[in-house]
């Protein structure tokens, strides 16, 4: 099968592929604004780490959980992200990539936007292309007038063409550059 996901939906397949045997079934994994290597959430990860050092992590966690229960799992230092990024994690499928993120036999495409307000840095989902099975695209490198953000990347024409090419490498249509606005596309 081929999997296309956005945000957490672009990251969850990474765990399935690497730890739950998904590498046997998945041919292509395409992520838009994924968080494979974690996100700083504009510094909230550093604030949490500082709170841990001073014994305030419980209070911070309680406050943060009211708004985003899964946010902690996407900090770069979370056990979930560290497992995905560890090439020697127990139970992990084999990977030739130094970052441990990709699994041999699966083709990966990561699509990001510089204007992503949730995934920081926006290239957090990029995979080491050294194995030859990963392709990384930053929307603004293909179209400087494109201001797609975390939400509007799913309706962005540049990202859509990248997804189509990832699913069918023979599709060589040119990406049409246009003005794309944040939030509304």
N, C-alpha and C. Protein backbone atom coordinates (compact mmCIF):
# COMPACT_ATOMS: atom_id res chain seq x y z
N UNK A 1 0.83 -1.18 0.00
CA UNK A 1 0.00 0.00 0.00
C UNK A 1 0.88 1.24 0.00
N UNK A 2 0.29 2.35 -0.35
CA UNK A 2 0.93 3.66 -0.23
C UNK A 2 0.17 4.42 0.85
N UNK A 3 0.89 5.18 1.66
CA UNK A 3 0.29 5.96 2.74
C UNK A 3 0.61 7.42 2.52
N UNK A 4 -0.42 8.28 2.61
CA UNK A 4 -0.24 9.73 2.56
C UNK A 4 -0.84 10.29 3.84
N UNK A 5 -0.06 11.11 4.56
CA UNK A 5 -0.55 11.67 5.80
C UNK A 5 -0.11 13.10 6.01
N UNK A 6 -0.80 13.77 6.89
CA UNK A 6 -0.51 15.17 7.22
C UNK A 6 -0.28 15.28 8.72
N UNK A 7 0.72 16.06 9.11
CA UNK A 7 1.02 16.35 10.50
C UNK A 7 1.26 15.05 11.27
N UNK A 8 0.50 14.81 12.35
CA UNK A 8 0.66 13.56 13.08
C UNK A 8 0.37 12.36 12.18
N UNK A 9 -0.55 12.54 11.23
CA UNK A 9 -0.88 11.49 10.27
C UNK A 9 0.25 11.18 9.32
N UNK A 10 1.22 12.08 9.25
CA UNK A 10 2.42 11.82 8.46
C UNK A 10 3.51 11.16 9.28
N UNK A 11 3.36 11.19 10.60
CA UNK A 11 4.37 10.63 11.50
C UNK A 11 3.97 9.25 12.02
N UNK A 12 2.70 9.05 12.29
CA UNK A 12 2.25 7.76 12.82
C UNK A 12 2.64 6.58 11.90
N UNK A 13 2.55 6.74 10.56
CA UNK A 13 2.98 5.64 9.71
C UNK A 13 4.45 5.27 9.89
N UNK A 14 5.28 6.24 10.27
CA UNK A 14 6.70 5.94 10.49
C UNK A 14 6.86 4.90 11.60
N UNK A 15 6.09 5.05 12.65
CA UNK A 15 6.14 4.08 13.75
C UNK A 15 5.63 2.71 13.27
N UNK A 16 4.52 2.71 12.57
CA UNK A 16 3.94 1.47 12.05
C UNK A 16 4.95 0.75 11.14
N UNK A 17 5.55 1.49 10.25
CA UNK A 17 6.51 0.90 9.31
C UNK A 17 7.71 0.32 10.05
N UNK A 18 8.22 1.06 11.00
CA UNK A 18 9.47 0.68 11.66
C UNK A 18 9.29 -0.37 12.75
N UNK A 19 8.21 -0.30 13.52
CA UNK A 19 8.07 -1.18 14.69
C UNK A 19 6.95 -2.20 14.62
N UNK A 20 5.97 -2.00 13.78
CA UNK A 20 4.83 -2.91 13.74
C UNK A 20 4.76 -3.75 12.46
N UNK A 21 5.88 -3.90 11.78
CA UNK A 21 5.93 -4.75 10.59
C UNK A 21 5.38 -4.12 9.33
N UNK A 22 5.06 -2.85 9.37
CA UNK A 22 4.49 -2.17 8.21
C UNK A 22 5.40 -2.15 7.00
N UNK A 23 6.71 -2.27 7.22
CA UNK A 23 7.65 -2.27 6.09
C UNK A 23 7.36 -3.40 5.12
N UNK A 24 6.68 -4.44 5.57
CA UNK A 24 6.34 -5.56 4.67
C UNK A 24 5.19 -5.21 3.74
N UNK A 25 4.40 -4.18 4.09
CA UNK A 25 3.19 -3.86 3.34
C UNK A 25 3.21 -2.50 2.66
N UNK A 26 4.06 -1.59 3.13
CA UNK A 26 4.06 -0.22 2.63
C UNK A 26 5.13 -0.04 1.57
N UNK A 27 4.71 0.40 0.40
CA UNK A 27 5.66 0.69 -0.69
C UNK A 27 6.15 2.13 -0.61
N UNK A 28 5.20 3.06 -0.36
CA UNK A 28 5.52 4.49 -0.33
C UNK A 28 4.85 5.14 0.87
N UNK A 29 5.61 6.02 1.52
CA UNK A 29 5.07 6.81 2.62
C UNK A 29 5.30 8.28 2.30
N UNK A 30 4.22 9.04 2.25
CA UNK A 30 4.30 10.46 1.91
C UNK A 30 3.78 11.26 3.09
N UNK A 31 4.59 12.20 3.57
CA UNK A 31 4.18 13.02 4.71
C UNK A 31 4.21 14.50 4.33
N UNK A 32 3.15 15.19 4.70
CA UNK A 32 3.10 16.65 4.55
C UNK A 32 3.11 17.25 5.95
N UNK A 33 4.08 18.12 6.21
CA UNK A 33 4.22 18.76 7.52
C UNK A 33 4.26 17.74 8.64
N UNK A 34 5.00 16.66 8.43
CA UNK A 34 5.17 15.64 9.47
C UNK A 34 6.16 16.09 10.53
N UNK A 35 6.23 15.32 11.61
CA UNK A 35 7.13 15.67 12.72
C UNK A 35 8.04 14.50 13.08
N UNK A 36 8.62 13.89 12.09
CA UNK A 36 9.44 12.71 12.27
C UNK A 36 10.56 12.90 13.28
N UNK A 37 11.22 14.04 13.26
CA UNK A 37 12.33 14.28 14.19
C UNK A 37 11.91 15.19 15.35
N UNK A 38 10.63 15.39 15.52
CA UNK A 38 10.12 16.21 16.62
C UNK A 38 9.96 17.66 16.25
N UNK A 39 9.30 18.39 17.12
CA UNK A 39 9.08 19.82 16.92
C UNK A 39 9.32 20.56 18.22
N UNK A 40 9.83 21.76 18.09
CA UNK A 40 10.09 22.57 19.29
C UNK A 40 8.84 23.32 19.73
N UNK A 41 7.80 23.33 18.90
CA UNK A 41 6.58 24.09 19.20
C UNK A 41 6.93 25.51 19.65
N UNK A 42 7.80 26.14 18.88
CA UNK A 42 8.20 27.52 19.15
C UNK A 42 8.81 27.68 20.54
N UNK A 43 9.58 26.69 20.98
CA UNK A 43 10.30 26.80 22.24
C UNK A 43 9.64 26.13 23.42
N UNK A 44 8.44 25.55 23.24
CA UNK A 44 7.79 24.88 24.37
C UNK A 44 8.59 23.69 24.85
N UNK A 45 9.32 23.02 23.95
CA UNK A 45 10.15 21.90 24.39
C UNK A 45 11.24 22.37 25.34
N UNK A 46 11.85 23.52 25.07
CA UNK A 46 12.90 24.06 25.94
C UNK A 46 12.30 24.50 27.28
N UNK A 47 11.11 25.07 27.23
CA UNK A 47 10.43 25.48 28.47
C UNK A 47 10.12 24.26 29.32
N UNK A 48 9.67 23.20 28.70
CA UNK A 48 9.38 21.96 29.42
C UNK A 48 10.65 21.39 30.04
N UNK A 49 11.74 21.36 29.28
CA UNK A 49 13.01 20.84 29.78
C UNK A 49 13.51 21.67 30.97
N UNK A 50 13.39 22.99 30.85
CA UNK A 50 13.78 23.86 31.97
C UNK A 50 12.90 23.59 33.18
N UNK A 51 11.61 23.39 32.96
CA UNK A 51 10.70 23.07 34.06
C UNK A 51 11.05 21.77 34.75
N UNK A 52 11.49 20.79 33.96
CA UNK A 52 11.93 19.52 34.54
C UNK A 52 13.11 19.73 35.47
N UNK A 53 14.07 20.56 35.04
CA UNK A 53 15.27 20.81 35.84
C UNK A 53 14.93 21.45 37.18
N UNK A 54 13.84 22.22 37.22
CA UNK A 54 13.46 22.91 38.46
C UNK A 54 12.26 22.27 39.15
N UNK A 55 11.84 21.11 38.67
CA UNK A 55 10.76 20.39 39.33
C UNK A 55 9.36 20.87 39.00
N UNK A 56 9.20 21.58 37.89
CA UNK A 56 7.88 22.09 37.52
C UNK A 56 7.24 21.33 36.37
N UNK A 57 7.81 20.22 35.96
CA UNK A 57 7.27 19.53 34.79
C UNK A 57 5.85 19.03 35.01
N UNK A 58 5.51 18.62 36.24
CA UNK A 58 4.15 18.14 36.51
C UNK A 58 3.11 19.25 36.27
N UNK A 59 3.41 20.45 36.78
CA UNK A 59 2.49 21.56 36.60
C UNK A 59 2.38 21.96 35.13
N UNK A 60 3.53 22.01 34.47
CA UNK A 60 3.54 22.37 33.06
C UNK A 60 2.75 21.34 32.25
N UNK A 61 2.97 20.07 32.55
CA UNK A 61 2.27 19.00 31.84
C UNK A 61 0.77 19.10 32.03
N UNK A 62 0.34 19.39 33.26
CA UNK A 62 -1.09 19.49 33.54
C UNK A 62 -1.71 20.65 32.76
N UNK A 63 -1.02 21.77 32.71
CA UNK A 63 -1.54 22.92 31.97
C UNK A 63 -1.58 22.63 30.47
N UNK A 64 -0.49 22.08 29.95
CA UNK A 64 -0.38 21.83 28.51
C UNK A 64 -1.37 20.76 28.06
N UNK A 65 -1.60 19.75 28.89
CA UNK A 65 -2.50 18.66 28.52
C UNK A 65 -3.93 19.13 28.31
N UNK A 66 -4.29 20.27 28.87
CA UNK A 66 -5.64 20.81 28.65
C UNK A 66 -5.85 21.19 27.19
N UNK A 67 -4.76 21.53 26.50
CA UNK A 67 -4.85 22.03 25.13
C UNK A 67 -4.34 21.04 24.09
N UNK A 68 -3.37 20.22 24.50
CA UNK A 68 -2.76 19.32 23.51
C UNK A 68 -2.15 18.13 24.24
N UNK A 69 -2.89 17.06 24.34
CA UNK A 69 -2.40 15.90 25.09
C UNK A 69 -1.24 15.19 24.40
N UNK A 70 -1.16 15.27 23.08
CA UNK A 70 -0.09 14.56 22.38
C UNK A 70 1.16 15.42 22.14
N UNK A 71 1.10 16.68 22.50
CA UNK A 71 2.24 17.58 22.21
C UNK A 71 3.56 17.06 22.77
N UNK A 72 3.52 16.51 23.97
CA UNK A 72 4.76 16.04 24.60
C UNK A 72 5.42 14.92 23.78
N UNK A 73 4.60 14.12 23.14
CA UNK A 73 5.14 13.01 22.35
C UNK A 73 5.89 13.50 21.12
N UNK A 74 5.70 14.76 20.74
CA UNK A 74 6.35 15.27 19.54
C UNK A 74 7.51 16.21 19.83
N UNK A 75 7.89 16.33 21.10
CA UNK A 75 9.12 17.05 21.42
C UNK A 75 10.28 16.18 20.94
N UNK A 76 11.38 16.78 20.44
CA UNK A 76 12.50 15.99 19.95
C UNK A 76 13.08 15.01 20.97
N UNK A 77 12.94 15.33 22.26
CA UNK A 77 13.51 14.45 23.29
C UNK A 77 12.51 13.45 23.85
N UNK A 78 11.32 13.35 23.26
CA UNK A 78 10.33 12.40 23.78
C UNK A 78 10.76 10.97 23.46
N UNK A 79 10.37 10.01 24.29
CA UNK A 79 10.70 8.60 24.00
C UNK A 79 10.17 8.15 22.63
N UNK A 80 9.00 8.65 22.23
CA UNK A 80 8.41 8.28 20.93
C UNK A 80 9.31 8.72 19.78
N UNK A 81 9.71 9.98 19.76
CA UNK A 81 10.57 10.51 18.68
C UNK A 81 11.95 9.88 18.75
N UNK A 82 12.50 9.72 19.94
CA UNK A 82 13.82 9.11 20.06
C UNK A 82 13.82 7.68 19.53
N UNK A 83 12.75 6.94 19.74
CA UNK A 83 12.66 5.57 19.21
C UNK A 83 12.64 5.57 17.69
N UNK A 84 11.86 6.47 17.11
CA UNK A 84 11.79 6.54 15.65
C UNK A 84 13.15 6.91 15.05
N UNK A 85 13.86 7.82 15.71
CA UNK A 85 15.14 8.29 15.18
C UNK A 85 16.32 7.38 15.52
N UNK A 86 16.12 6.37 16.31
CA UNK A 86 17.22 5.49 16.73
C UNK A 86 17.36 4.32 15.77
N UNK A 87 18.47 4.26 15.01
CA UNK A 87 18.63 3.14 14.07
C UNK A 87 18.80 1.80 14.78
N UNK A 88 19.13 1.81 16.06
CA UNK A 88 19.34 0.58 16.82
C UNK A 88 18.25 0.33 17.85
N UNK A 89 17.10 0.95 17.69
CA UNK A 89 16.01 0.77 18.65
C UNK A 89 15.57 -0.70 18.67
N UNK A 90 15.33 -1.24 19.86
CA UNK A 90 14.87 -2.63 19.94
C UNK A 90 13.58 -2.83 19.15
N UNK A 91 13.56 -3.88 18.34
CA UNK A 91 12.38 -4.21 17.56
C UNK A 91 12.21 -3.43 16.28
N UNK A 92 13.18 -2.59 15.95
CA UNK A 92 13.08 -1.75 14.75
C UNK A 92 13.46 -2.54 13.50
N UNK A 93 12.78 -2.23 12.40
CA UNK A 93 13.14 -2.80 11.10
C UNK A 93 14.48 -2.20 10.67
N UNK A 94 15.23 -2.90 9.82
CA UNK A 94 16.55 -2.41 9.41
C UNK A 94 16.50 -1.11 8.62
N UNK A 95 17.47 -0.25 8.89
CA UNK A 95 17.59 1.03 8.19
C UNK A 95 19.04 1.27 7.83
N UNK A 96 19.27 1.76 6.63
CA UNK A 96 20.64 2.10 6.25
C UNK A 96 20.94 3.56 6.55
N UNK A 97 19.93 4.33 6.94
CA UNK A 97 20.10 5.77 7.18
C UNK A 97 20.71 6.03 8.55
N UNK A 98 21.59 6.99 8.60
CA UNK A 98 22.24 7.36 9.86
C UNK A 98 21.22 7.88 10.87
N UNK A 99 20.16 8.54 10.39
CA UNK A 99 19.17 9.07 11.32
C UNK A 99 18.17 8.00 11.77
N UNK A 100 18.24 6.80 11.19
CA UNK A 100 17.39 5.70 11.60
C UNK A 100 15.93 5.86 11.24
N UNK A 101 15.60 6.93 10.54
CA UNK A 101 14.19 7.22 10.29
C UNK A 101 13.59 6.39 9.16
N UNK A 102 14.36 6.09 8.16
CA UNK A 102 13.79 5.34 7.04
C UNK A 102 14.08 3.85 7.19
N UNK A 103 13.22 3.06 6.58
CA UNK A 103 13.35 1.61 6.62
C UNK A 103 13.63 1.13 5.20
N UNK A 104 14.56 0.23 5.08
CA UNK A 104 14.91 -0.31 3.77
C UNK A 104 13.68 -0.87 3.07
N UNK A 105 13.57 -0.59 1.76
CA UNK A 105 12.48 -1.12 0.96
C UNK A 105 11.26 -0.21 0.84
N UNK A 106 11.21 0.85 1.64
CA UNK A 106 10.08 1.78 1.58
C UNK A 106 10.57 3.10 0.97
N UNK A 107 9.81 3.65 0.04
CA UNK A 107 10.12 4.95 -0.54
C UNK A 107 9.45 6.04 0.29
N UNK A 108 10.22 7.05 0.69
CA UNK A 108 9.70 8.13 1.53
C UNK A 108 9.72 9.45 0.77
N UNK A 109 8.67 10.22 0.97
CA UNK A 109 8.62 11.60 0.46
C UNK A 109 8.14 12.47 1.60
N UNK A 110 8.91 13.52 1.88
CA UNK A 110 8.54 14.48 2.92
C UNK A 110 8.37 15.84 2.28
N UNK A 111 7.23 16.47 2.55
CA UNK A 111 6.91 17.78 1.97
C UNK A 111 6.69 18.75 3.13
N UNK A 112 7.42 19.85 3.10
CA UNK A 112 7.35 20.84 4.19
C UNK A 112 7.15 22.23 3.63
N UNK A 113 6.72 23.14 4.51
CA UNK A 113 6.57 24.54 4.15
C UNK A 113 7.30 25.40 5.17
N UNK A 114 7.98 26.40 4.70
CA UNK A 114 8.71 27.31 5.58
C UNK A 114 7.78 28.06 6.54
N UNK A 115 6.51 28.15 6.20
CA UNK A 115 5.56 28.91 6.99
C UNK A 115 4.78 28.05 7.98
N UNK A 116 5.27 26.85 8.24
CA UNK A 116 4.60 25.96 9.18
C UNK A 116 4.74 26.53 10.59
N UNK A 117 3.62 26.83 11.22
CA UNK A 117 3.65 27.44 12.53
C UNK A 117 3.68 26.41 13.66
N UNK A 118 3.47 25.13 13.37
CA UNK A 118 3.49 24.09 14.40
C UNK A 118 4.74 23.22 14.34
N UNK A 119 5.18 22.87 13.16
CA UNK A 119 6.36 22.03 13.02
C UNK A 119 7.58 22.94 12.90
N UNK A 120 8.39 22.97 13.94
CA UNK A 120 9.57 23.82 13.99
C UNK A 120 10.76 22.97 14.35
N UNK A 121 11.82 22.90 13.59
CA UNK A 121 11.94 23.55 12.29
C UNK A 121 11.03 22.85 11.27
N UNK A 122 10.67 23.58 10.22
CA UNK A 122 9.73 23.00 9.25
C UNK A 122 10.28 21.77 8.52
N UNK A 123 11.59 21.62 8.51
CA UNK A 123 12.19 20.46 7.84
C UNK A 123 12.34 19.26 8.78
N UNK A 124 11.62 19.28 9.89
CA UNK A 124 11.71 18.21 10.88
C UNK A 124 11.40 16.83 10.31
N UNK A 125 10.62 16.77 9.27
CA UNK A 125 10.24 15.48 8.70
C UNK A 125 11.21 15.00 7.61
N UNK A 126 12.20 15.79 7.28
CA UNK A 126 13.11 15.39 6.21
C UNK A 126 13.93 14.18 6.64
N UNK A 127 14.12 13.28 5.70
CA UNK A 127 14.82 12.02 5.93
C UNK A 127 16.14 12.03 5.18
N UNK A 128 17.14 11.47 5.81
CA UNK A 128 18.46 11.37 5.20
C UNK A 128 18.33 10.64 3.85
N UNK A 129 18.67 11.32 2.74
CA UNK A 129 18.51 10.70 1.42
C UNK A 129 19.66 9.77 1.04
N UNK A 130 20.60 9.53 1.93
CA UNK A 130 21.78 8.72 1.61
C UNK A 130 21.44 7.32 1.12
N UNK A 131 20.35 6.76 1.57
CA UNK A 131 19.98 5.39 1.19
C UNK A 131 19.32 5.33 -0.18
N UNK A 132 18.96 6.48 -0.73
CA UNK A 132 18.32 6.51 -2.04
C UNK A 132 16.83 6.26 -2.00
N UNK A 133 16.25 6.19 -0.80
CA UNK A 133 14.81 5.92 -0.71
C UNK A 133 14.03 7.08 -0.10
N UNK A 134 14.64 8.28 -0.07
CA UNK A 134 13.95 9.43 0.52
C UNK A 134 14.08 10.66 -0.38
N UNK A 135 12.96 11.37 -0.49
CA UNK A 135 12.92 12.62 -1.27
C UNK A 135 12.28 13.68 -0.39
N UNK A 136 12.95 14.81 -0.25
CA UNK A 136 12.49 15.89 0.60
C UNK A 136 12.21 17.13 -0.24
N UNK A 137 11.04 17.74 0.00
CA UNK A 137 10.65 18.92 -0.77
C UNK A 137 10.21 20.03 0.17
N UNK A 138 10.77 21.20 -0.01
CA UNK A 138 10.32 22.40 0.67
C UNK A 138 9.53 23.19 -0.36
N UNK A 139 8.27 23.46 -0.07
CA UNK A 139 7.37 24.09 -1.02
C UNK A 139 7.97 25.39 -1.58
N UNK A 140 8.57 26.21 -0.73
CA UNK A 140 9.08 27.51 -1.18
C UNK A 140 10.32 27.41 -2.08
N UNK A 141 11.01 26.29 -2.08
CA UNK A 141 12.11 26.10 -3.04
C UNK A 141 11.57 25.88 -4.44
N UNK A 142 10.34 25.41 -4.53
CA UNK A 142 9.71 25.16 -5.81
C UNK A 142 8.88 26.35 -6.27
N UNK A 143 8.40 27.14 -5.29
CA UNK A 143 7.53 28.26 -5.60
C UNK A 143 7.67 29.32 -4.50
N UNK A 144 8.51 30.33 -4.72
CA UNK A 144 8.76 31.34 -3.69
C UNK A 144 7.53 32.15 -3.26
N UNK A 145 6.49 32.22 -4.10
CA UNK A 145 5.30 33.00 -3.75
C UNK A 145 4.27 32.18 -2.97
N UNK A 146 4.60 30.95 -2.67
CA UNK A 146 3.69 30.05 -1.97
C UNK A 146 3.86 30.24 -0.46
N UNK A 147 2.80 30.68 0.21
CA UNK A 147 2.85 30.91 1.66
C UNK A 147 2.00 29.90 2.43
N UNK A 148 1.88 28.71 1.90
CA UNK A 148 1.12 27.67 2.59
C UNK A 148 1.67 27.47 3.99
N UNK A 149 0.76 27.24 4.95
CA UNK A 149 1.17 26.98 6.33
C UNK A 149 0.81 25.54 6.69
N UNK A 150 0.79 25.24 7.98
CA UNK A 150 0.55 23.87 8.43
C UNK A 150 -0.79 23.33 7.94
N UNK A 151 -1.82 24.15 7.97
CA UNK A 151 -3.13 23.69 7.52
C UNK A 151 -3.29 23.70 6.01
N UNK A 152 -2.87 24.78 5.38
CA UNK A 152 -3.15 24.92 3.94
C UNK A 152 -2.23 24.09 3.05
N UNK A 153 -1.20 23.46 3.62
CA UNK A 153 -0.34 22.61 2.78
C UNK A 153 -1.15 21.44 2.19
N UNK A 154 -2.21 21.03 2.86
CA UNK A 154 -3.02 19.91 2.35
C UNK A 154 -3.84 20.28 1.12
N UNK A 155 -4.01 21.58 0.88
CA UNK A 155 -4.74 22.00 -0.33
C UNK A 155 -3.83 22.80 -1.26
N UNK A 156 -2.55 22.73 -1.03
CA UNK A 156 -1.57 23.48 -1.81
C UNK A 156 -1.28 22.78 -3.14
N UNK A 157 -1.32 23.50 -4.27
CA UNK A 157 -1.09 22.86 -5.57
C UNK A 157 0.34 22.31 -5.72
N UNK A 158 1.32 22.97 -5.14
CA UNK A 158 2.70 22.48 -5.23
C UNK A 158 2.84 21.18 -4.44
N UNK A 159 2.33 21.17 -3.23
CA UNK A 159 2.38 19.95 -2.42
C UNK A 159 1.59 18.82 -3.08
N UNK A 160 0.46 19.16 -3.68
CA UNK A 160 -0.35 18.14 -4.36
C UNK A 160 0.43 17.49 -5.49
N UNK A 161 1.14 18.30 -6.26
CA UNK A 161 1.93 17.74 -7.35
C UNK A 161 3.08 16.87 -6.81
N UNK A 162 3.67 17.28 -5.69
CA UNK A 162 4.72 16.46 -5.07
C UNK A 162 4.15 15.12 -4.61
N UNK A 163 2.94 15.12 -4.06
CA UNK A 163 2.30 13.87 -3.64
C UNK A 163 2.04 12.98 -4.85
N UNK A 164 1.49 13.56 -5.92
CA UNK A 164 1.21 12.77 -7.13
C UNK A 164 2.48 12.16 -7.71
N UNK A 165 3.57 12.92 -7.72
CA UNK A 165 4.84 12.40 -8.22
C UNK A 165 5.38 11.29 -7.33
N UNK A 166 5.18 11.44 -6.01
CA UNK A 166 5.65 10.40 -5.08
C UNK A 166 4.89 9.09 -5.30
N UNK A 167 3.60 9.19 -5.57
CA UNK A 167 2.78 8.00 -5.77
C UNK A 167 2.96 7.39 -7.15
N UNK A 168 3.31 8.23 -8.12
CA UNK A 168 3.54 7.77 -9.49
C UNK A 168 4.76 8.50 -10.04
N UNK A 169 5.95 7.93 -9.87
CA UNK A 169 7.18 8.60 -10.31
C UNK A 169 7.22 8.91 -11.81
N UNK A 170 6.36 8.29 -12.60
CA UNK A 170 6.34 8.60 -14.03
C UNK A 170 5.59 9.90 -14.31
N UNK A 171 4.85 10.39 -13.32
CA UNK A 171 4.11 11.65 -13.47
C UNK A 171 5.09 12.81 -13.37
N UNK A 172 5.40 13.43 -14.47
CA UNK A 172 6.39 14.50 -14.50
C UNK A 172 5.79 15.86 -14.85
N UNK A 173 4.53 16.06 -14.46
CA UNK A 173 3.91 17.37 -14.69
C UNK A 173 4.71 18.44 -13.95
N UNK A 174 4.79 19.59 -14.56
CA UNK A 174 5.49 20.71 -13.92
C UNK A 174 4.65 21.26 -12.79
N UNK A 175 5.34 21.68 -11.75
CA UNK A 175 4.65 22.33 -10.64
C UNK A 175 4.27 23.74 -11.07
N UNK A 176 2.98 24.06 -10.92
CA UNK A 176 2.52 25.39 -11.27
C UNK A 176 2.65 26.29 -10.04
N UNK A 177 3.48 27.30 -10.16
CA UNK A 177 3.70 28.22 -9.07
C UNK A 177 2.60 29.29 -9.06
N UNK A 178 2.06 29.55 -7.88
CA UNK A 178 1.01 30.55 -7.72
C UNK A 178 1.11 31.16 -6.34
N UNK A 179 0.38 32.21 -6.13
CA UNK A 179 0.31 32.80 -4.79
C UNK A 179 -0.65 31.92 -3.98
N UNK A 180 -0.17 31.43 -2.86
CA UNK A 180 -1.00 30.62 -1.97
C UNK A 180 -0.94 31.30 -0.60
N UNK A 181 -2.10 31.52 0.00
CA UNK A 181 -2.18 32.21 1.27
C UNK A 181 -2.20 31.23 2.43
N UNK A 182 -1.69 31.65 3.61
CA UNK A 182 -1.78 30.79 4.79
C UNK A 182 -3.24 30.56 5.18
N UNK A 183 -3.50 29.46 5.81
CA UNK A 183 -4.81 29.08 6.37
C UNK A 183 -5.87 28.80 5.31
N UNK A 184 -5.98 29.62 4.28
CA UNK A 184 -7.05 29.43 3.31
C UNK A 184 -6.61 28.76 2.02
N UNK A 185 -5.32 28.70 1.78
CA UNK A 185 -4.79 28.06 0.58
C UNK A 185 -4.91 28.90 -0.65
